N, C-alpha and C. Protein backbone atom coordinates (compact mmCIF):
# COMPACT_ATOMS: atom_id res chain seq x y z
N MET A 1 -77.14 -113.07 -16.52
CA MET A 1 -76.95 -111.99 -17.46
C MET A 1 -76.04 -112.46 -18.58
N GLU A 2 -76.41 -112.18 -19.78
CA GLU A 2 -75.60 -112.52 -20.94
C GLU A 2 -74.71 -111.33 -21.28
N VAL A 3 -73.41 -111.59 -21.45
CA VAL A 3 -72.46 -110.53 -21.76
C VAL A 3 -72.54 -110.19 -23.24
N PRO A 4 -72.68 -108.90 -23.58
CA PRO A 4 -72.72 -108.53 -25.00
C PRO A 4 -71.42 -108.90 -25.69
N ILE A 5 -71.50 -109.36 -26.91
CA ILE A 5 -70.33 -109.82 -27.65
C ILE A 5 -69.36 -108.68 -27.95
N THR A 6 -69.82 -107.42 -27.94
CA THR A 6 -68.96 -106.29 -28.26
C THR A 6 -68.34 -105.65 -27.02
N LEU A 7 -68.48 -106.27 -25.88
CA LEU A 7 -67.95 -105.71 -24.64
C LEU A 7 -66.43 -105.64 -24.70
N ARG A 8 -65.87 -104.43 -24.48
CA ARG A 8 -64.43 -104.23 -24.51
C ARG A 8 -64.04 -103.27 -23.39
N LEU A 9 -62.91 -103.53 -22.75
CA LEU A 9 -62.38 -102.62 -21.74
C LEU A 9 -61.70 -101.47 -22.46
N LEU A 10 -62.16 -100.24 -22.22
CA LEU A 10 -61.62 -99.09 -22.94
C LEU A 10 -61.37 -97.88 -22.05
N HIS A 11 -61.17 -98.13 -20.75
CA HIS A 11 -61.01 -96.99 -19.84
C HIS A 11 -60.22 -97.44 -18.62
N LEU A 12 -59.29 -96.62 -18.20
CA LEU A 12 -58.51 -96.89 -17.00
C LEU A 12 -58.28 -95.57 -16.30
N GLY A 13 -58.48 -95.54 -14.99
CA GLY A 13 -58.22 -94.34 -14.20
C GLY A 13 -57.01 -94.55 -13.31
N LEU A 14 -56.12 -93.55 -13.28
CA LEU A 14 -54.91 -93.60 -12.46
C LEU A 14 -54.78 -92.33 -11.63
N LEU A 15 -54.33 -92.46 -10.40
CA LEU A 15 -53.94 -91.30 -9.61
C LEU A 15 -52.54 -90.90 -10.03
N VAL A 16 -52.33 -89.63 -10.30
CA VAL A 16 -51.01 -89.14 -10.72
C VAL A 16 -50.69 -87.83 -9.99
N ARG A 17 -49.40 -87.63 -9.71
CA ARG A 17 -48.95 -86.41 -9.04
C ARG A 17 -48.93 -85.21 -9.98
N ASP A 18 -48.53 -85.45 -11.22
CA ASP A 18 -48.33 -84.36 -12.18
C ASP A 18 -48.95 -84.80 -13.52
N GLN A 19 -50.13 -84.27 -13.81
CA GLN A 19 -50.85 -84.68 -15.02
C GLN A 19 -50.08 -84.36 -16.30
N GLU A 20 -49.43 -83.21 -16.35
CA GLU A 20 -48.68 -82.85 -17.56
C GLU A 20 -47.53 -83.83 -17.81
N ARG A 21 -46.85 -84.21 -16.76
CA ARG A 21 -45.76 -85.19 -16.89
C ARG A 21 -46.32 -86.52 -17.39
N SER A 22 -47.44 -86.95 -16.84
CA SER A 22 -48.06 -88.21 -17.27
C SER A 22 -48.55 -88.12 -18.71
N LEU A 23 -49.11 -86.98 -19.09
CA LEU A 23 -49.54 -86.80 -20.48
C LEU A 23 -48.35 -86.93 -21.44
N ARG A 24 -47.22 -86.34 -21.07
CA ARG A 24 -46.02 -86.46 -21.92
C ARG A 24 -45.56 -87.90 -22.02
N PHE A 25 -45.53 -88.62 -20.90
CA PHE A 25 -45.08 -90.01 -20.88
C PHE A 25 -45.97 -90.89 -21.75
N TYR A 26 -47.28 -90.83 -21.51
CA TYR A 26 -48.19 -91.70 -22.26
C TYR A 26 -48.32 -91.26 -23.72
N GLY A 27 -48.11 -90.00 -23.99
CA GLY A 27 -48.08 -89.54 -25.37
C GLY A 27 -46.85 -90.03 -26.10
N ARG A 28 -45.71 -89.89 -25.49
CA ARG A 28 -44.45 -90.28 -26.13
C ARG A 28 -44.36 -91.77 -26.40
N TYR A 29 -44.72 -92.58 -25.43
CA TYR A 29 -44.48 -94.02 -25.55
C TYR A 29 -45.68 -94.85 -25.96
N PHE A 30 -46.90 -94.38 -25.67
CA PHE A 30 -48.05 -95.25 -25.89
C PHE A 30 -49.11 -94.65 -26.80
N GLY A 31 -48.79 -93.56 -27.48
CA GLY A 31 -49.65 -93.04 -28.53
C GLY A 31 -50.87 -92.26 -28.08
N PHE A 32 -50.93 -91.86 -26.81
CA PHE A 32 -52.05 -91.03 -26.36
C PHE A 32 -51.82 -89.60 -26.85
N ASP A 33 -52.89 -88.90 -27.20
CA ASP A 33 -52.79 -87.58 -27.80
C ASP A 33 -53.01 -86.47 -26.78
N PRO A 34 -51.93 -85.92 -26.22
CA PRO A 34 -52.09 -84.85 -25.22
C PRO A 34 -52.86 -83.64 -25.75
N ALA A 35 -52.76 -83.37 -27.05
CA ALA A 35 -53.46 -82.21 -27.62
C ALA A 35 -54.98 -82.38 -27.54
N GLY A 36 -55.44 -83.62 -27.54
CA GLY A 36 -56.87 -83.88 -27.47
C GLY A 36 -57.38 -84.17 -26.07
N ALA A 37 -56.53 -83.99 -25.07
CA ALA A 37 -56.94 -84.28 -23.68
C ALA A 37 -58.08 -83.36 -23.26
N ARG A 38 -59.02 -83.93 -22.52
CA ARG A 38 -60.16 -83.16 -22.00
C ARG A 38 -60.03 -83.02 -20.50
N ARG A 39 -60.27 -81.81 -20.01
CA ARG A 39 -60.20 -81.53 -18.58
C ARG A 39 -61.61 -81.40 -18.03
N TYR A 40 -61.82 -81.97 -16.86
CA TYR A 40 -63.14 -81.98 -16.23
C TYR A 40 -63.13 -81.17 -14.94
N PRO A 41 -64.30 -80.70 -14.49
CA PRO A 41 -64.38 -79.84 -13.30
C PRO A 41 -63.76 -80.44 -12.04
N ASP A 42 -63.75 -81.78 -11.92
CA ASP A 42 -63.16 -82.39 -10.73
C ASP A 42 -61.65 -82.48 -10.80
N GLY A 43 -61.04 -81.96 -11.88
CA GLY A 43 -59.60 -81.98 -12.03
C GLY A 43 -59.07 -83.14 -12.87
N THR A 44 -59.92 -84.06 -13.22
CA THR A 44 -59.50 -85.22 -14.04
C THR A 44 -59.18 -84.77 -15.46
N VAL A 45 -58.15 -85.38 -16.02
CA VAL A 45 -57.81 -85.20 -17.43
C VAL A 45 -57.96 -86.55 -18.10
N ILE A 46 -58.72 -86.58 -19.20
CA ILE A 46 -58.87 -87.84 -19.95
C ILE A 46 -58.23 -87.66 -21.31
N VAL A 47 -57.36 -88.62 -21.64
CA VAL A 47 -56.63 -88.60 -22.90
C VAL A 47 -56.91 -89.93 -23.60
N ARG A 48 -56.99 -89.91 -24.92
CA ARG A 48 -57.36 -91.09 -25.70
C ARG A 48 -56.23 -91.48 -26.64
N ASN A 49 -56.10 -92.80 -26.87
CA ASN A 49 -55.13 -93.27 -27.87
C ASN A 49 -55.85 -93.57 -29.18
N PRO A 50 -55.12 -93.90 -30.26
CA PRO A 50 -55.76 -94.15 -31.56
C PRO A 50 -56.74 -95.32 -31.56
N ASP A 51 -56.63 -96.24 -30.61
CA ASP A 51 -57.57 -97.36 -30.53
C ASP A 51 -58.84 -97.01 -29.78
N GLY A 52 -58.94 -95.78 -29.29
CA GLY A 52 -60.13 -95.36 -28.57
C GLY A 52 -60.10 -95.68 -27.08
N PHE A 53 -58.93 -96.01 -26.55
CA PHE A 53 -58.80 -96.30 -25.12
C PHE A 53 -58.61 -94.99 -24.37
N ASP A 54 -59.40 -94.78 -23.34
CA ASP A 54 -59.33 -93.56 -22.54
C ASP A 54 -58.54 -93.78 -21.26
N LEU A 55 -57.58 -92.92 -21.03
CA LEU A 55 -56.79 -92.95 -19.80
C LEU A 55 -57.19 -91.72 -18.99
N ALA A 56 -57.77 -91.97 -17.81
CA ALA A 56 -58.21 -90.88 -16.93
C ALA A 56 -57.14 -90.64 -15.89
N LEU A 57 -56.57 -89.46 -15.91
CA LEU A 57 -55.51 -89.08 -14.99
C LEU A 57 -56.12 -88.21 -13.89
N HIS A 58 -56.25 -88.80 -12.71
CA HIS A 58 -56.86 -88.10 -11.58
C HIS A 58 -55.76 -87.48 -10.72
N PRO A 59 -55.88 -86.22 -10.35
CA PRO A 59 -54.85 -85.61 -9.51
C PRO A 59 -54.89 -86.21 -8.10
N GLY A 60 -53.71 -86.53 -7.59
CA GLY A 60 -53.64 -87.07 -6.25
C GLY A 60 -52.34 -87.80 -6.00
N GLU A 61 -52.27 -88.43 -4.88
CA GLU A 61 -51.08 -89.16 -4.47
C GLU A 61 -51.31 -90.65 -4.75
N PRO A 62 -50.56 -91.23 -5.69
CA PRO A 62 -50.70 -92.66 -5.97
C PRO A 62 -50.39 -93.47 -4.71
N PRO A 63 -50.95 -94.67 -4.63
CA PRO A 63 -50.66 -95.50 -3.46
C PRO A 63 -49.17 -95.82 -3.38
N GLY A 64 -48.71 -96.20 -2.21
CA GLY A 64 -47.30 -96.55 -2.02
C GLY A 64 -46.91 -97.77 -2.86
N ARG A 65 -45.92 -98.44 -2.42
CA ARG A 65 -45.39 -99.60 -3.15
C ARG A 65 -46.49 -100.62 -3.41
N LEU A 66 -46.68 -100.96 -4.67
CA LEU A 66 -47.72 -101.90 -5.07
C LEU A 66 -47.11 -103.26 -5.38
N PRO A 67 -47.88 -104.35 -5.29
CA PRO A 67 -47.35 -105.67 -5.65
C PRO A 67 -46.88 -105.68 -7.10
N ALA A 68 -45.81 -106.39 -7.38
CA ALA A 68 -45.21 -106.40 -8.72
C ALA A 68 -46.16 -106.95 -9.79
N PHE A 69 -47.11 -107.81 -9.39
CA PHE A 69 -48.01 -108.36 -10.40
C PHE A 69 -49.04 -107.35 -10.90
N LEU A 70 -49.27 -106.27 -10.16
CA LEU A 70 -50.29 -105.30 -10.51
C LEU A 70 -49.78 -104.42 -11.66
N HIS A 71 -50.42 -104.54 -12.81
CA HIS A 71 -49.98 -103.80 -13.99
C HIS A 71 -51.11 -103.72 -15.01
N PHE A 72 -50.89 -102.93 -16.06
CA PHE A 72 -51.76 -102.93 -17.23
C PHE A 72 -50.84 -102.92 -18.43
N GLY A 73 -51.35 -103.33 -19.60
CA GLY A 73 -50.44 -103.51 -20.71
C GLY A 73 -51.00 -103.12 -22.07
N PHE A 74 -50.07 -102.98 -23.00
CA PHE A 74 -50.37 -102.64 -24.38
C PHE A 74 -49.74 -103.69 -25.28
N ARG A 75 -50.56 -104.30 -26.15
CA ARG A 75 -50.05 -105.30 -27.10
C ARG A 75 -49.54 -104.57 -28.34
N LEU A 76 -48.33 -104.90 -28.75
CA LEU A 76 -47.75 -104.33 -29.94
C LEU A 76 -47.83 -105.34 -31.08
N SER A 77 -47.63 -104.88 -32.30
CA SER A 77 -47.85 -105.71 -33.49
C SER A 77 -46.77 -106.75 -33.74
N THR A 78 -45.52 -106.42 -33.41
CA THR A 78 -44.42 -107.34 -33.71
C THR A 78 -43.43 -107.38 -32.55
N PRO A 79 -42.62 -108.45 -32.50
CA PRO A 79 -41.57 -108.50 -31.47
C PRO A 79 -40.60 -107.32 -31.60
N ASP A 80 -40.29 -106.93 -32.84
CA ASP A 80 -39.35 -105.82 -33.02
C ASP A 80 -39.93 -104.50 -32.54
N ASP A 81 -41.26 -104.33 -32.62
CA ASP A 81 -41.88 -103.12 -32.06
C ASP A 81 -41.62 -103.03 -30.56
N VAL A 82 -41.71 -104.17 -29.88
CA VAL A 82 -41.45 -104.19 -28.43
C VAL A 82 -39.99 -103.86 -28.17
N ARG A 83 -39.11 -104.49 -28.92
CA ARG A 83 -37.67 -104.24 -28.72
C ARG A 83 -37.31 -102.78 -28.97
N GLU A 84 -37.90 -102.18 -29.99
CA GLU A 84 -37.62 -100.77 -30.30
C GLU A 84 -38.14 -99.86 -29.18
N MET A 85 -39.34 -100.15 -28.67
CA MET A 85 -39.87 -99.35 -27.58
C MET A 85 -39.00 -99.47 -26.35
N LEU A 86 -38.56 -100.70 -26.06
CA LEU A 86 -37.68 -100.92 -24.91
C LEU A 86 -36.39 -100.12 -25.07
N ALA A 87 -35.78 -100.17 -26.23
CA ALA A 87 -34.54 -99.43 -26.47
C ALA A 87 -34.75 -97.92 -26.28
N SER A 88 -35.87 -97.40 -26.77
CA SER A 88 -36.17 -95.98 -26.63
C SER A 88 -36.33 -95.60 -25.16
N MET A 89 -37.06 -96.43 -24.41
CA MET A 89 -37.26 -96.13 -22.99
C MET A 89 -35.95 -96.20 -22.21
N GLU A 90 -35.15 -97.22 -22.51
CA GLU A 90 -33.86 -97.33 -21.81
C GLU A 90 -32.98 -96.14 -22.13
N ALA A 91 -32.97 -95.68 -23.38
CA ALA A 91 -32.18 -94.52 -23.77
C ALA A 91 -32.64 -93.26 -23.04
N ASP A 92 -33.94 -93.20 -22.73
CA ASP A 92 -34.50 -92.05 -22.02
C ASP A 92 -34.42 -92.18 -20.50
N GLY A 93 -33.91 -93.31 -20.02
CA GLY A 93 -33.75 -93.50 -18.58
C GLY A 93 -35.00 -93.97 -17.85
N VAL A 94 -36.00 -94.49 -18.59
CA VAL A 94 -37.21 -95.03 -17.95
C VAL A 94 -36.83 -96.33 -17.24
N GLU A 95 -37.30 -96.50 -16.02
CA GLU A 95 -37.00 -97.71 -15.25
C GLU A 95 -37.75 -98.89 -15.84
N VAL A 96 -37.01 -99.99 -16.10
CA VAL A 96 -37.57 -101.21 -16.68
C VAL A 96 -37.19 -102.37 -15.76
N PRO A 97 -38.08 -102.73 -14.81
CA PRO A 97 -37.73 -103.78 -13.85
C PRO A 97 -37.87 -105.21 -14.36
N GLU A 98 -38.60 -105.42 -15.47
CA GLU A 98 -38.79 -106.79 -15.97
C GLU A 98 -38.73 -106.79 -17.49
N ARG A 99 -38.20 -107.89 -18.05
CA ARG A 99 -38.14 -108.05 -19.51
C ARG A 99 -38.07 -109.52 -19.89
N TRP A 100 -38.63 -109.85 -21.05
CA TRP A 100 -38.62 -111.20 -21.59
C TRP A 100 -38.41 -111.11 -23.09
N ASP A 101 -37.65 -112.07 -23.64
CA ASP A 101 -37.48 -112.16 -25.09
C ASP A 101 -37.38 -113.63 -25.43
N GLU A 102 -38.55 -114.22 -25.68
CA GLU A 102 -38.65 -115.65 -25.98
C GLU A 102 -39.34 -115.82 -27.32
N PRO A 103 -39.25 -117.00 -27.94
CA PRO A 103 -39.85 -117.17 -29.26
C PRO A 103 -41.34 -116.81 -29.35
N GLY A 104 -42.13 -117.09 -28.33
CA GLY A 104 -43.55 -116.81 -28.39
C GLY A 104 -44.00 -115.65 -27.51
N TYR A 105 -43.05 -114.89 -26.96
CA TYR A 105 -43.42 -113.80 -26.06
C TYR A 105 -42.25 -112.84 -25.91
N VAL A 106 -42.47 -111.60 -26.31
CA VAL A 106 -41.47 -110.55 -26.14
C VAL A 106 -42.17 -109.43 -25.38
N ALA A 107 -41.60 -109.04 -24.24
CA ALA A 107 -42.29 -108.08 -23.39
C ALA A 107 -41.34 -107.42 -22.41
N PHE A 108 -41.81 -106.33 -21.84
CA PHE A 108 -41.13 -105.71 -20.71
C PHE A 108 -42.17 -104.94 -19.91
N LYS A 109 -41.83 -104.69 -18.66
CA LYS A 109 -42.65 -103.83 -17.81
C LYS A 109 -41.79 -102.66 -17.38
N CYS A 110 -42.33 -101.48 -17.59
CA CYS A 110 -41.65 -100.25 -17.17
C CYS A 110 -42.47 -99.60 -16.07
N LEU A 111 -41.87 -98.60 -15.45
CA LEU A 111 -42.59 -97.81 -14.45
C LEU A 111 -42.88 -96.44 -15.04
N ASP A 112 -44.13 -96.01 -14.93
CA ASP A 112 -44.47 -94.66 -15.40
C ASP A 112 -43.97 -93.66 -14.35
N PRO A 113 -44.12 -92.37 -14.57
CA PRO A 113 -43.57 -91.39 -13.62
C PRO A 113 -44.08 -91.51 -12.18
N ASP A 114 -45.23 -92.18 -11.98
CA ASP A 114 -45.77 -92.34 -10.64
C ASP A 114 -45.59 -93.75 -10.09
N GLY A 115 -44.85 -94.59 -10.81
CA GLY A 115 -44.58 -95.94 -10.33
C GLY A 115 -45.57 -97.00 -10.78
N TRP A 116 -46.57 -96.65 -11.61
CA TRP A 116 -47.48 -97.65 -12.13
C TRP A 116 -46.72 -98.54 -13.11
N ARG A 117 -46.91 -99.86 -13.01
CA ARG A 117 -46.26 -100.80 -13.93
C ARG A 117 -47.06 -100.89 -15.21
N VAL A 118 -46.35 -100.68 -16.32
CA VAL A 118 -46.97 -100.72 -17.64
C VAL A 118 -46.22 -101.75 -18.46
N GLU A 119 -46.96 -102.69 -19.03
CA GLU A 119 -46.35 -103.73 -19.85
C GLU A 119 -46.53 -103.41 -21.33
N ALA A 120 -45.48 -103.62 -22.10
CA ALA A 120 -45.54 -103.60 -23.55
C ALA A 120 -45.18 -105.01 -23.98
N TYR A 121 -46.02 -105.62 -24.82
CA TYR A 121 -45.79 -107.03 -25.12
C TYR A 121 -46.24 -107.39 -26.53
N TRP A 122 -45.70 -108.48 -27.03
CA TRP A 122 -46.14 -109.14 -28.25
C TRP A 122 -46.21 -110.62 -27.95
N GLU A 123 -47.24 -111.24 -28.44
CA GLU A 123 -47.35 -112.70 -28.46
C GLU A 123 -48.26 -113.04 -29.62
N PRO A 124 -48.09 -114.23 -30.18
CA PRO A 124 -48.93 -114.59 -31.34
C PRO A 124 -50.41 -114.57 -30.95
N VAL A 125 -51.21 -114.12 -31.87
CA VAL A 125 -52.66 -114.09 -31.66
C VAL A 125 -53.23 -115.33 -32.32
N ASP A 126 -54.02 -116.07 -31.57
CA ASP A 126 -54.63 -117.29 -32.14
C ASP A 126 -55.66 -116.98 -33.18
């Protein structure tokens, strides 16, 4: 099978305890629009960011402690964008278990309200 050249990952589903809390978190820090969220008969809420990425928030109990490598991430435009986001999250008390600030890579991983690891990062694009 030949993979289409326009193939892009644009959807992620997460189990969350409190959809409204998750909508606020992803809206505040990652640009998802809670006002445009769509609710489905099975209880799922799907919210989209300006890049067209859909985050499906499924009601339920997230799995227990997950391996630290398991995460998803958002690339930011500049190193300073990452630093500013990190400062905002720290000021708000968001847990940030990992961080890097190197010449070719500026990043951190935070925990969302349900413990999912979310990375915000910048690195040069080839």
